[in-house]
Amino acid sequence: MKFSLSASCKQAATESPLVNFQGTNILNLKPFFRRKDKLVFVMGATGTGKSRLAIELANRFPAEIINSDKIQIYKGLEILTNKVTEKECCGVPHHLLGIVDPNSNFTATDFCRHASLAINSIVGKHRLPIIAGGSNSFIESLVDGEAEFRYRYDCCFLWVDVSLPVLHSFVSDRVDRMLDNGLVNEVRNLFDPKGNDYTRGIRRAIGVPELDAFLRAEMDSATDNKARSQILQAAILKIKENSIKLALRQRQKIHHLQSKWGWNLHRIDATEVFLQHGGGEYSEHAWEALVAEPSSIIVDQFLCENSCSLAAKIPMAVVAGATR
């Protein structure tokens, strides 16, 4: 994979090799020196700014983004699922975003298959795949579901983290902004009183089952406006509660992945950024200083790293044979 390297990378690339095998009995060592392709993962709980960071990184490095949010994979509910808009994408190609029929059941196995195809396509264009989303079970299946994945790819894990009390407040405010942008009407257009299965497809999204009672009350002429309003307020409260519970589970899952698989997670603490946000907007200075710039440095260093070590890749018997 080819990238635009930093000055330190270019210097390292021009240095003479530390080991040079001489003699007539030359072995073909090319297979041992195959460099792994690089992948970057942007992880974090809901509402922490994963999509924004992934897009900014893709504008700083030659990259494309693969969505790993299990609900954003489906078509529809752009407001409720908080999909990035075409404007927010800033021209960065996105894969697995809004491509699946909303009534189908897209599994982790499906994700691994589609994500692998997207990775191969991006790598084939000498670009960096950035996988971003909050469905950590999908990411776990991809990274550690098959041993071959680790042999083929070097992975850099960025974890955008926000302290839970601050994140809870932000998530609650975000639900209010979704409501202002038309969340209820969006779910209403999907609602089917005779066939709503909230265990599969896009209807699993937080916000759809919670509004069921309200949408049924709307259709019931015996329910007055005051009762409907009370039912709606209860639904909104439940959406906020379940969104906060989701953020907690996602954060716990990341800790679990770190302890179970030993992933080297680069934690980016964005708490101060969220403390400074107003009207739903981040402080641009705080975001750049505390999230975007540190993440860019980590990715730059990761791309500079030599992904195969001479000592690790060549068995001692092979090295000894080459010197006889």
C-alpha atoms as a PDB file:
ATOM      1  CA  MET A   1       0.000   0.000   0.000  1.00  0.00           C
ATOM      2  CA  LYS A   2       1.383   3.407  -0.920  1.00  0.00           C
ATOM      3  CA  PHE A   3       0.852   6.558   1.106  1.00  0.00           C
ATOM      4  CA  SER A   4       2.134  10.109   1.197  1.00  0.00           C
ATOM      5  CA  LEU A   5       4.697   9.717   3.930  1.00  0.00           C
ATOM      6  CA  SER A   6       5.900  12.260   6.430  1.00  0.00           C
ATOM      7  CA  ALA A   7       9.493  13.490   6.402  1.00  0.00           C
ATOM      8  CA  SER A   8      10.534  10.979   9.082  1.00  0.00           C
ATOM      9  CA  CYS A   9       9.061   8.126   7.045  1.00  0.00           C
ATOM     10  CA  LYS A  10      10.875   9.234   3.889  1.00  0.00           C
ATOM     11  CA  GLN A  11      14.181   9.398   5.754  1.00  0.00           C
ATOM     12  CA  ALA A  12      13.717   5.888   7.159  1.00  0.00           C
ATOM     13  CA  ALA A  13      12.836   4.566   3.720  1.00  0.00           C
ATOM     14  CA  THR A  14      16.135   5.788   2.229  1.00  0.00           C
ATOM     15  CA  GLU A  15      18.391   4.285   4.899  1.00  0.00           C
ATOM     16  CA  SER A  16      20.526   1.259   4.010  1.00  0.00           C
ATOM     17  CA  PRO A  17      19.226  -2.136   5.173  1.00  0.00           C
ATOM     18  CA  LEU A  18      20.639  -3.394   8.453  1.00  0.00           C
ATOM     19  CA  VAL A  19      21.171  -6.907   7.067  1.00  0.00           C
ATOM     20  CA  ASN A  20      22.563  -7.825   3.654  1.00  0.00           C
ATOM     21  CA  PHE A  21      22.903 -11.474   2.664  1.00  0.00           C
ATOM     22  CA  GLN A  22      25.849 -12.180   0.356  1.00  0.00           C
ATOM     23  CA  GLY A  23      26.946 -15.285  -1.472  1.00  0.00           C
ATOM     24  CA  THR A  24      25.949 -17.485  -4.342  1.00  0.00           C
ATOM     25  CA  ASN A  25      23.323 -19.508  -2.483  1.00  0.00           C
ATOM     26  CA  ILE A  26      20.712 -16.731  -2.452  1.00  0.00           C
ATOM     27  CA  LEU A  27      17.273 -17.535  -1.110  1.00  0.00           C
ATOM     28  CA  ASN A  28      14.133 -15.786  -2.306  1.00  0.00           C
ATOM     29  CA  LEU A  29      13.150 -14.001   0.894  1.00  0.00           C
ATOM     30  CA  LYS A  30      10.461 -11.849  -0.693  1.00  0.00           C
ATOM     31  CA  PRO A  31       7.565 -13.799   0.899  1.00  0.00           C
ATOM     32  CA  PHE A  32       9.031 -13.209   4.378  1.00  0.00           C
ATOM     33  CA  PHE A  33       9.241  -9.471   3.791  1.00  0.00           C
ATOM     34  CA  ARG A  34       5.686  -8.925   2.595  1.00  0.00           C
ATOM     35  CA  ARG A  35       4.411  -5.932   4.457  1.00  0.00           C
ATOM     36  CA  LYS A  36       0.976  -6.115   5.950  1.00  0.00           C
ATOM     37  CA  ASP A  37      -1.647  -3.705   4.717  1.00  0.00           C
ATOM     38  CA  LYS A  38      -2.649  -1.019   7.195  1.00  0.00           C
ATOM     39  CA  LEU A  39      -6.108  -0.498   8.685  1.00  0.00           C
ATOM     40  CA  VAL A  40      -7.359   2.188  11.054  1.00  0.00           C
ATOM     41  CA  PHE A  41     -10.360   1.668  13.325  1.00  0.00           C
ATOM     42  CA  VAL A  42     -12.214   4.594  14.904  1.00  0.00           C
ATOM     43  CA  MET A  43     -14.189   3.307  17.880  1.00  0.00           C
ATOM     44  CA  GLY A  44     -16.228   4.805  20.683  1.00  0.00           C
ATOM     45  CA  ALA A  45     -19.668   5.042  22.239  1.00  0.00           C
ATOM     46  CA  THR A  46     -22.606   6.620  20.448  1.00  0.00           C
ATOM     47  CA  GLY A  47     -22.334  10.377  20.066  1.00  0.00           C
ATOM     48  CA  THR A  48     -18.579  10.681  20.679  1.00  0.00           C
ATOM     49  CA  GLY A  49     -17.704  12.041  17.221  1.00  0.00           C
ATOM     50  CA  LYS A  50     -16.392   8.906  15.495  1.00  0.00           C
ATOM     51  CA  SER A  51     -17.774   9.842  12.080  1.00  0.00           C
ATOM     52  CA  ARG A  52     -16.329  13.338  12.208  1.00  0.00           C
ATOM     53  CA  LEU A  53     -12.890  12.088  13.218  1.00  0.00           C
ATOM     54  CA  ALA A  54     -12.882   9.414  10.509  1.00  0.00           C
ATOM     55  CA  ILE A  55     -13.732  12.017   7.854  1.00  0.00           C
ATOM     56  CA  GLU A  56     -11.064  14.421   9.079  1.00  0.00           C
ATOM     57  CA  LEU A  57      -8.443  11.672   9.044  1.00  0.00           C
ATOM     58  CA  ALA A  58      -9.515  10.711   5.522  1.00  0.00           C
ATOM     59  CA  ASN A  59      -8.913  14.294   4.454  1.00  0.00           C
ATOM     60  CA  ARG A  60      -5.416  14.263   5.971  1.00  0.00           C
ATOM     61  CA  PHE A  61      -4.411  10.859   4.566  1.00  0.00           C
ATOM     62  CA  PRO A  62      -5.416   9.166   1.297  1.00  0.00           C
ATOM     63  CA  ALA A  63      -8.240   7.119   2.789  1.00  0.00           C
ATOM     64  CA  GLU A  64     -11.789   5.829   2.425  1.00  0.00           C
ATOM     65  CA  ILE A  65     -14.261   5.000   5.197  1.00  0.00           C
ATOM     66  CA  ILE A  66     -16.070   1.731   5.905  1.00  0.00           C
ATOM     67  CA  ASN A  67     -19.104   2.055   8.174  1.00  0.00           C
ATOM     68  CA  SER A  68     -19.269  -0.468  11.025  1.00  0.00           C
ATOM     69  CA  ASP A  69     -22.508   0.746  12.628  1.00  0.00           C
ATOM     70  CA  LYS A  70     -24.984  -2.140  12.402  1.00  0.00           C
ATOM     71  CA  ILE A  71     -28.000   0.194  12.075  1.00  0.00           C
ATOM     72  CA  GLN A  72     -26.516   2.789   9.719  1.00  0.00           C
ATOM     73  CA  ILE A  73     -25.867  -0.064   7.266  1.00  0.00           C
ATOM     74  CA  TYR A  74     -29.606  -0.095   6.504  1.00  0.00           C
ATOM     75  CA  LYS A  75     -31.368   2.258   4.121  1.00  0.00           C
ATOM     76  CA  GLY A  76     -33.628   4.853   5.712  1.00  0.00           C
ATOM     77  CA  LEU A  77     -34.026   6.632   9.072  1.00  0.00           C
ATOM     78  CA  GLU A  78     -31.229   9.094   8.310  1.00  0.00           C
ATOM     79  CA  ILE A  79     -32.219  11.366  11.214  1.00  0.00           C
ATOM     80  CA  LEU A  80     -32.740   8.679  13.825  1.00  0.00           C
ATOM     81  CA  THR A  81     -29.561   6.782  12.933  1.00  0.00           C
ATOM     82  CA  ASN A  82     -27.583  10.027  12.650  1.00  0.00           C
ATOM     83  CA  LYS A  83     -26.067   9.128   9.270  1.00  0.00           C
ATOM     84  CA  VAL A  84     -23.524  11.583   7.913  1.00  0.00           C
ATOM     85  CA  THR A  85     -24.915  13.732   5.136  1.00  0.00           C
ATOM     86  CA  GLU A  86     -23.328  14.135   1.723  1.00  0.00           C
ATOM     87  CA  LYS A  87     -22.082  17.557   2.798  1.00  0.00           C
ATOM     88  CA  GLU A  88     -20.571  16.171   6.011  1.00  0.00           C
ATOM     89  CA  CYS A  89     -18.752  13.456   4.023  1.00  0.00           C
ATOM     90  CA  CYS A  90     -16.616  16.231   2.453  1.00  0.00           C
ATOM     91  CA  GLY A  91     -16.086  14.146  -0.662  1.00  0.00           C
ATOM     92  CA  VAL A  92     -14.675  11.158   1.242  1.00  0.00           C
ATOM     93  CA  PRO A  93     -15.970   7.842  -0.178  1.00  0.00           C
ATOM     94  CA  HIS A  94     -18.038   5.838   2.315  1.00  0.00           C
ATOM     95  CA  HIS A  95     -18.737   2.101   2.133  1.00  0.00           C
ATOM     96  CA  LEU A  96     -21.519   0.041   3.784  1.00  0.00           C
ATOM     97  CA  LEU A  97     -23.560   3.145   4.600  1.00  0.00           C
ATOM     98  CA  GLY A  98     -27.290   2.899   3.900  1.00  0.00           C
ATOM     99  CA  ILE A  99     -26.977  -0.017   1.468  1.00  0.00           C
ATOM    100  CA  VAL A 100     -29.088  -2.812   3.014  1.00  0.00           C
ATOM    101  CA  ASP A 101     -32.837  -3.370   2.748  1.00  0.00           C
ATOM    102  CA  PRO A 102     -34.376  -2.142   6.035  1.00  0.00           C
ATOM    103  CA  ASN A 103     -36.424  -5.321   6.469  1.00  0.00           C
ATOM    104  CA  SER A 104     -33.506  -7.740   6.099  1.00  0.00           C
ATOM    105  CA  ASN A 105     -31.308  -9.043   8.895  1.00  0.00           C
ATOM    106  CA  PHE A 106     -27.657  -8.040   8.371  1.00  0.00           C
ATOM    107  CA  THR A 107     -25.411 -10.214  10.563  1.00  0.00           C
ATOM    108  CA  ALA A 108     -21.799 -10.010  11.727  1.00  0.00           C
ATOM    109  CA  THR A 109     -20.954 -12.648   9.120  1.00  0.00           C
ATOM    110  CA  ASP A 110     -22.496 -10.460   6.424  1.00  0.00           C
ATOM    111  CA  PHE A 111     -20.476  -7.517   7.695  1.00  0.00           C
ATOM    112  CA  CYS A 112     -17.192  -9.440   7.575  1.00  0.00           C
ATOM    113  CA  ARG A 113     -17.837 -10.490   4.001  1.00  0.00           C
ATOM    114  CA  HIS A 114     -18.814  -7.038   2.756  1.00  0.00           C
ATOM    115  CA  ALA A 115     -16.135  -5.241   4.788  1.00  0.00           C
ATOM    116  CA  SER A 116     -13.421  -7.561   3.444  1.00  0.00           C
ATOM    117  CA  LEU A 117     -14.479  -6.778  -0.119  1.00  0.00           C
ATOM    118  CA  ALA A 118     -14.410  -3.056   0.628  1.00  0.00           C
ATOM    119  CA  ILE A 119     -10.988  -3.311   2.291  1.00  0.00           C
ATOM    120  CA  ASN A 120      -9.552  -5.137  -0.721  1.00  0.00           C
ATOM    121  CA  SER A 121     -11.001  -2.513  -3.050  1.00  0.00           C
ATOM    122  CA  ILE A 122      -9.573   0.388  -1.046  1.00  0.00           C
ATOM    123  CA  VAL A 123      -6.155  -1.235  -0.616  1.00  0.00           C
ATOM    124  CA  GLY A 124      -6.125  -1.981  -4.333  1.00  0.00           C
ATOM    125  CA  LYS A 125      -6.328   1.763  -4.948  1.00  0.00           C
ATOM    126  CA  HIS A 126      -3.345   2.319  -2.604  1.00  0.00           C
ATOM    127  CA  ARG A 127      -5.564   4.044  -0.077  1.00  0.00           C
ATOM    128  CA  LEU A 128      -6.044   3.559   3.659  1.00  0.00           C
ATOM    129  CA  PRO A 129      -9.239   1.845   4.892  1.00  0.00           C
ATOM    130  CA  ILE A 130     -10.697   3.592   7.949  1.00  0.00           C
ATOM    131  CA  ILE A 131     -13.377   1.520   9.676  1.00  0.00           C
ATOM    132  CA  ALA A 132     -15.618   3.649  11.865  1.00  0.00           C
ATOM    133  CA  GLY A 133     -18.699   2.832  13.894  1.00  0.00           C
ATOM    134  CA  GLY A 134     -20.048   1.820  17.269  1.00  0.00           C
ATOM    135  CA  SER A 135     -20.907  -1.834  16.636  1.00  0.00           C
ATOM    136  CA  ASN A 136     -17.953  -3.397  18.409  1.00  0.00           C
ATOM    137  CA  SER A 137     -19.262  -6.930  17.898  1.00  0.00           C
ATOM    138  CA  PHE A 138     -18.907  -6.389  14.140  1.00  0.00           C
ATOM    139  CA  ILE A 139     -15.355  -5.139  14.585  1.00  0.00           C
ATOM    140  CA  GLU A 140     -14.463  -8.053  16.858  1.00  0.00           C
ATOM    141  CA  SER A 141     -15.778 -10.564  14.306  1.00  0.00           C
ATOM    142  CA  LEU A 142     -13.739  -8.938  11.574  1.00  0.00           C
ATOM    143  CA  VAL A 143     -10.455  -8.583  13.467  1.00  0.00           C
ATOM    144  CA  ASP A 144     -10.364 -11.746  15.545  1.00  0.00           C
ATOM    145  CA  GLY A 145     -12.965 -13.960  13.897  1.00  0.00           C
ATOM    146  CA  GLU A 146     -10.353 -15.436  11.565  1.00  0.00           C
ATOM    147  CA  ALA A 147      -6.627 -15.812  12.220  1.00  0.00           C
ATOM    148  CA  GLU A 148      -5.839 -14.861   8.617  1.00  0.00           C
ATOM    149  CA  PHE A 149      -6.970 -11.278   9.203  1.00  0.00           C
ATOM    150  CA  ARG A 150      -4.144 -10.554  11.648  1.00  0.00           C
ATOM    151  CA  TYR A 151      -1.582 -12.049   9.259  1.00  0.00           C
ATOM    152  CA  ARG A 152      -2.742  -9.787   6.452  1.00  0.00           C
ATOM    153  CA  TYR A 153      -3.310  -6.503   8.262  1.00  0.00           C
ATOM    154  CA  ASP A 154      -1.720  -4.197  10.800  1.00  0.00           C
ATOM    155  CA  CYS A 155      -4.438  -2.515  12.834  1.00  0.00           C
ATOM    156  CA  CYS A 156      -4.466   0.855  14.575  1.00  0.00           C
ATOM    157  CA  PHE A 157      -7.323   1.329  17.048  1.00  0.00           C
ATOM    158  CA  LEU A 158      -8.406   4.858  17.958  1.00  0.00           C
ATOM    159  CA  TRP A 159     -10.876   5.044  20.843  1.00  0.00           C
ATOM    160  CA  VAL A 160     -12.700   8.363  21.175  1.00  0.00           C
ATOM    161  CA  ASP A 161     -13.798   8.425  24.812  1.00  0.00           C
ATOM    162  CA  VAL A 162     -15.932  10.835  26.821  1.00  0.00           C
ATOM    163  CA  SER A 163     -16.655  10.598  30.548  1.00  0.00           C
ATOM    164  CA  LEU A 164     -20.092   9.064  31.072  1.00  0.00           C
ATOM    165  CA  PRO A 165     -21.815  11.970  32.914  1.00  0.00           C
ATOM    166  CA  VAL A 166     -20.766  14.399  30.177  1.00  0.00           C
ATOM    167  CA  LEU A 167     -21.685  11.966  27.404  1.00  0.00           C
ATOM    168  CA  HIS A 168     -25.088  11.285  28.961  1.00  0.00           C
ATOM    169  CA  SER A 169     -25.943  14.976  28.862  1.00  0.00           C
ATOM    170  CA  PHE A 170     -24.775  15.273  25.260  1.00  0.00           C
ATOM    171  CA  VAL A 171     -26.718  12.188  24.115  1.00  0.00           C
ATOM    172  CA  SER A 172     -29.889  13.540  25.734  1.00  0.00           C
ATOM    173  CA  ASP A 173     -29.431  16.872  23.954  1.00  0.00           C
ATOM    174  CA  ARG A 174     -28.812  15.073  20.672  1.00  0.00           C
ATOM    175  CA  VAL A 175     -32.144  13.266  20.945  1.00  0.00           C
ATOM    176  CA  ASP A 176     -33.818  16.662  21.359  1.00  0.00           C
ATOM    177  CA  ARG A 177     -32.098  17.907  18.186  1.00  0.00           C
ATOM    178  CA  MET A 178     -33.245  14.805  16.317  1.00  0.00           C
ATOM    179  CA  LEU A 179     -36.805  15.509  17.432  1.00  0.00           C
ATOM    180  CA  ASP A 180     -36.504  19.079  16.141  1.00  0.00           C
ATOM    181  CA  ASN A 181     -35.235  17.713  12.813  1.00  0.00           C
ATOM    182  CA  GLY A 182     -38.238  15.424  12.316  1.00  0.00           C
ATOM    183  CA  LEU A 183     -37.436  12.146  14.104  1.00  0.00           C
ATOM    184  CA  VAL A 184     -41.075  11.330  14.950  1.00  0.00           C
ATOM    185  CA  ASN A 185     -42.313  11.872  11.406  1.00  0.00           C
ATOM    186  CA  GLU A 186     -39.442   9.762  10.045  1.00  0.00           C
ATOM    187  CA  VAL A 187     -40.435   6.833  12.282  1.00  0.00           C
ATOM    188  CA  ARG A 188     -44.119   7.416  11.512  1.00  0.00           C
ATOM    189  CA  ASN A 189     -43.422   6.866   7.807  1.00  0.00           C
ATOM    190  CA  LEU A 190     -41.877   3.481   8.653  1.00  0.00           C
ATOM    191  CA  PHE A 191     -44.621   2.438  11.069  1.00  0.00           C
ATOM    192  CA  ASP A 192     -46.869  -0.488  10.191  1.00  0.00           C
ATOM    193  CA  PRO A 193     -49.412  -1.370  12.916  1.00  0.00           C
ATOM    194  CA  LYS A 194     -49.861  -4.867  11.475  1.00  0.00           C
ATOM    195  CA  GLY A 195     -46.275  -5.888  10.862  1.00  0.00           C
ATOM    196  CA  ASN A 196     -43.685  -4.223  13.080  1.00  0.00           C
ATOM    197  CA  ASP A 197     -41.006  -6.719  14.107  1.00  0.00           C
ATOM    198  CA  TYR A 198     -38.617  -4.883  16.419  1.00  0.00           C
ATOM    199  CA  THR A 199     -36.167  -7.782  16.610  1.00  0.00           C
ATOM    200  CA  ARG A 200     -34.707  -7.516  13.095  1.00  0.00           C
ATOM    201  CA  GLY A 201     -33.618  -5.013  10.468  1.00  0.00           C
ATOM    202  CA  ILE A 202     -33.702  -1.270  10.936  1.00  0.00           C
ATOM    203  CA  ARG A 203     -36.662  -1.482  13.316  1.00  0.00           C
ATOM    204  CA  ARG A 204     -34.208  -2.525  16.040  1.00  0.00           C
ATOM    205  CA  ALA A 205     -32.908   1.050  16.093  1.00  0.00           C
ATOM    206  CA  ILE A 206     -33.405   2.895  19.361  1.00  0.00           C
ATOM    207  CA  GLY A 207     -36.337   5.218  18.809  1.00  0.00           C
ATOM    208  CA  VAL A 208     -38.494   2.908  16.677  1.00  0.00           C
ATOM    209  CA  PRO A 209     -39.938   0.491  19.271  1.00  0.00           C
ATOM    210  CA  GLU A 210     -40.131   3.280  21.855  1.00  0.00           C
ATOM    211  CA  LEU A 211     -42.540   5.244  19.624  1.00  0.00           C
ATOM    212  CA  ASP A 212     -44.828   2.299  18.958  1.00  0.00           C
ATOM    213  CA  ALA A 213     -47.338   3.131  21.705  1.00  0.00           C
ATOM    214  CA  PHE A 214     -47.523   6.792  20.631  1.00  0.00           C
ATOM    215  CA  LEU A 215     -48.045   5.976  16.959  1.00  0.00           C
ATOM    216  CA  ARG A 216     -50.809   3.541  17.881  1.00  0.00           C
ATOM    217  CA  ALA A 217     -52.393   6.195  20.112  1.00  0.00           C
ATOM    218  CA  GLU A 218     -52.365   8.580  17.148  1.00  0.00           C
ATOM    219  CA  MET A 219     -54.467   6.088  15.199  1.00  0.00           C
ATOM    220  CA  ASP A 220     -56.882   5.534  18.086  1.00  0.00           C
ATOM    221  CA  SER A 221     -59.694   8.081  17.991  1.00  0.00           C
ATOM    222  CA  ALA A 222     -60.539   7.251  21.604  1.00  0.00           C
ATOM    223  CA  THR A 223     -57.194   8.678  22.806  1.00  0.00           C
ATOM    224  CA  ASP A 224     -57.326  12.437  23.365  1.00  0.00           C
ATOM    225  CA  ASN A 225     -54.521  14.895  22.644  1.00  0.00           C
ATOM    226  CA  LYS A 226     -53.454  15.203  26.277  1.00  0.00           C
ATOM    227  CA  ALA A 227     -53.036  11.440  26.606  1.00  0.00           C
ATOM    228  CA  ARG A 228     -51.134  11.294  23.310  1.00  0.00           C
ATOM    229  CA  SER A 229     -48.790  14.038  24.479  1.00  0.00           C
ATOM    230  CA  GLN A 230     -48.101  12.153  27.711  1.00  0.00           C
ATOM    231  CA  ILE A 231     -47.405   8.958  25.778  1.00  0.00           C
ATOM    232  CA  LEU A 232     -45.023  10.846  23.475  1.00  0.00           C
ATOM    233  CA  GLN A 233     -43.120  12.389  26.383  1.00  0.00           C
ATOM    234  CA  ALA A 234     -42.745   8.958  27.974  1.00  0.00           C
ATOM    235  CA  ALA A 235     -41.427   7.610  24.651  1.00  0.00           C
ATOM    236  CA  ILE A 236     -38.885  10.428  24.361  1.00  0.00           C
ATOM    237  CA  LEU A 237     -37.663   9.771  27.891  1.00  0.00           C
ATOM    238  CA  LYS A 238     -37.302   6.082  27.055  1.00  0.00           C
ATOM    239  CA  ILE A 239     -35.328   6.893  23.885  1.00  0.00           C
ATOM    240  CA  LYS A 240     -32.898   8.968  25.941  1.00  0.00           C
ATOM    241  CA  GLU A 241     -32.576   6.286  28.626  1.00  0.00           C
ATOM    242  CA  ASN A 242     -31.927   3.539  26.086  1.00  0.00           C
ATOM    243  CA  SER A 243     -29.416   5.696  24.191  1.00  0.00           C
ATOM    244  CA  ILE A 244     -27.494   6.264  27.410  1.00  0.00           C
ATOM    245  CA  LYS A 245     -27.605   2.528  28.200  1.00  0.00           C
ATOM    246  CA  LEU A 246     -26.261   1.837  24.706  1.00  0.00           C
ATOM    247  CA  ALA A 247     -23.337   4.201  25.283  1.00  0.00           C
ATOM    248  CA  LEU A 248     -22.537   2.396  28.539  1.00  0.00           C
ATOM    249  CA  ARG A 249     -22.642  -1.045  26.877  1.00  0.00           C
ATOM    250  CA  GLN A 250     -20.437   0.138  24.023  1.00  0.00           C
ATOM    251  CA  ARG A 251     -17.875   1.523  26.451  1.00  0.00           C
ATOM    252  CA  GLN A 252     -17.901  -1.719  28.468  1.00  0.00           C
ATOM    253  CA  LYS A 253     -17.477  -3.729  25.264  1.00  0.00           C
ATOM    254  CA  ILE A 254     -14.382  -1.735  24.317  1.00  0.00           C
ATOM    255  CA  HIS A 255     -12.821  -2.464  27.721  1.00  0.00           C
ATOM    256  CA  HIS A 256     -13.711  -6.132  27.227  1.00  0.00           C
ATOM    257  CA  LEU A 257     -12.067  -6.253  23.798  1.00  0.00           C
ATOM    258  CA  GLN A 258      -8.934  -4.659  25.201  1.00  0.00           C
ATOM    259  CA  SER A 259      -8.640  -7.230  27.991  1.00  0.00           C
ATOM    260  CA  LYS A 260      -9.755 -10.250  25.935  1.00  0.00           C
ATOM    261  CA  TRP A 261      -7.678  -9.742  22.803  1.00  0.00           C
ATOM    262  CA  GLY A 262      -4.983  -7.373  24.031  1.00  0.00           C
ATOM    263  CA  TRP A 263      -5.831  -4.709  21.460  1.00  0.00           C
ATOM    264  CA  ASN A 264      -3.562  -1.689  21.652  1.00  0.00           C
ATOM    265  CA  LEU A 265      -6.247   0.980  21.926  1.00  0.00           C
ATOM    266  CA  HIS A 266      -5.164   4.602  21.624  1.00  0.00           C
ATOM    267  CA  ARG A 267      -7.600   6.389  23.936  1.00  0.00           C
ATOM    268  CA  ILE A 268      -8.454   9.910  22.818  1.00  0.00           C
ATOM    269  CA  ASP A 269     -10.116  11.756  25.710  1.00  0.00           C
ATOM    270  CA  ALA A 270     -12.679  14.128  24.189  1.00  0.00           C
ATOM    271  CA  THR A 271     -14.391  15.020  27.470  1.00  0.00           C
ATOM    272  CA  GLU A 272     -13.183  18.623  27.461  1.00  0.00           C
ATOM    273  CA  VAL A 273     -14.433  19.071  23.898  1.00  0.00           C
ATOM    274  CA  PHE A 274     -17.936  18.075  24.937  1.00  0.00           C
ATOM    275  CA  LEU A 275     -17.832  20.271  28.009  1.00  0.00           C
ATOM    276  CA  GLN A 276     -17.231  23.224  25.705  1.00  0.00           C
ATOM    277  CA  HIS A 277     -19.919  22.385  23.156  1.00  0.00           C
ATOM    278  CA  GLY A 278     -22.859  24.711  22.800  1.00  0.00           C
ATOM    279  CA  GLY A 279     -26.007  24.358  20.733  1.00  0.00           C
ATOM    280  CA  GLY A 280     -24.843  20.942  19.628  1.00  0.00           C
ATOM    281  CA  GLU A 281     -21.611  22.269  18.133  1.00  0.00           C
ATOM    282  CA  TYR A 282     -18.119  21.317  19.241  1.00  0.00           C
ATOM    283  CA  SER A 283     -15.507  23.889  20.145  1.00  0.00           C
ATOM    284  CA  GLU A 284     -13.412  23.787  16.966  1.00  0.00           C
ATOM    285  CA  HIS A 285     -10.219  24.730  18.791  1.00  0.00           C
ATOM    286  CA  ALA A 286     -10.713  22.083  21.487  1.00  0.00           C
ATOM    287  CA  TRP A 287     -11.607  19.421  18.906  1.00  0.00           C
ATOM    288  CA  GLU A 288      -8.501  20.137  16.839  1.00  0.00           C
ATOM    289  CA  ALA A 289      -6.172  20.279  19.833  1.00  0.00           C
ATOM    290  CA  LEU A 290      -7.552  17.335  21.817  1.00  0.00           C
ATOM    291  CA  VAL A 291      -8.930  14.958  19.183  1.00  0.00           C
ATOM    292  CA  ALA A 292      -8.039  15.632  15.554  1.00  0.00           C
ATOM    293  CA  GLU A 293      -4.354  16.513  15.921  1.00  0.00           C
ATOM    294  CA  PRO A 294      -3.405  13.749  18.422  1.00  0.00           C
ATOM    295  CA  SER A 295      -5.252  11.199  16.268  1.00  0.00           C
ATOM    296  CA  SER A 296      -3.455  12.393  13.132  1.00  0.00           C
ATOM    297  CA  ILE A 297      -0.084  12.024  14.852  1.00  0.00           C
ATOM    298  CA  ILE A 298      -0.941   8.469  15.949  1.00  0.00           C
ATOM    299  CA  VAL A 299      -2.028   7.486  12.441  1.00  0.00           C
ATOM    300  CA  ASP A 300       1.042   9.115  10.856  1.00  0.00           C
ATOM    301  CA  GLN A 301       3.334   7.174  13.193  1.00  0.00           C
ATOM    302  CA  PHE A 302       1.380   3.992  12.523  1.00  0.00           C
ATOM    303  CA  LEU A 303       1.783   4.372   8.761  1.00  0.00           C
ATOM    304  CA  CYS A 304       5.513   4.958   9.237  1.00  0.00           C
ATOM    305  CA  GLU A 305       5.996   1.739  11.165  1.00  0.00           C
ATOM    306  CA  ASN A 306       7.598  -1.155   9.338  1.00  0.00           C
ATOM    307  CA  SER A 307       4.896  -3.790   9.556  1.00  0.00           C
ATOM    308  CA  CYS A 308       7.236  -6.758   9.314  1.00  0.00           C
ATOM    309  CA  SER A 309      10.250  -7.371  11.512  1.00  0.00           C
ATOM    310  CA  LEU A 310      13.282  -9.227  10.151  1.00  0.00           C
ATOM    311  CA  ALA A 311      13.709 -11.240  13.336  1.00  0.00           C
ATOM    312  CA  ALA A 312      10.014 -12.023  13.644  1.00  0.00           C
ATOM    313  CA  LYS A 313       9.399 -12.959  10.027  1.00  0.00           C
ATOM    314  CA  ILE A 314      12.443 -15.142   9.165  1.00  0.00           C
ATOM    315  CA  PRO A 315      12.881 -18.443  11.061  1.00  0.00           C
ATOM    316  CA  MET A 316      16.392 -18.959  12.452  1.00  0.00           C
ATOM    317  CA  ALA A 317      16.847 -22.105  10.345  1.00  0.00           C
ATOM    318  CA  VAL A 318      16.244 -20.091   7.179  1.00  0.00           C
ATOM    319  CA  VAL A 319      18.721 -17.387   8.194  1.00  0.00           C
ATOM    320  CA  ALA A 320      21.360 -20.002   9.034  1.00  0.00           C
ATOM    321  CA  GLY A 321      20.822 -21.722   5.695  1.00  0.00           C
ATOM    322  CA  ALA A 322      21.400 -18.498   3.806  1.00  0.00           C
ATOM    323  CA  THR A 323      24.836 -17.982   5.337  1.00  0.00           C
ATOM    324  CA  ARG A 324      26.332 -21.398   4.691  1.00  0.00           C
END
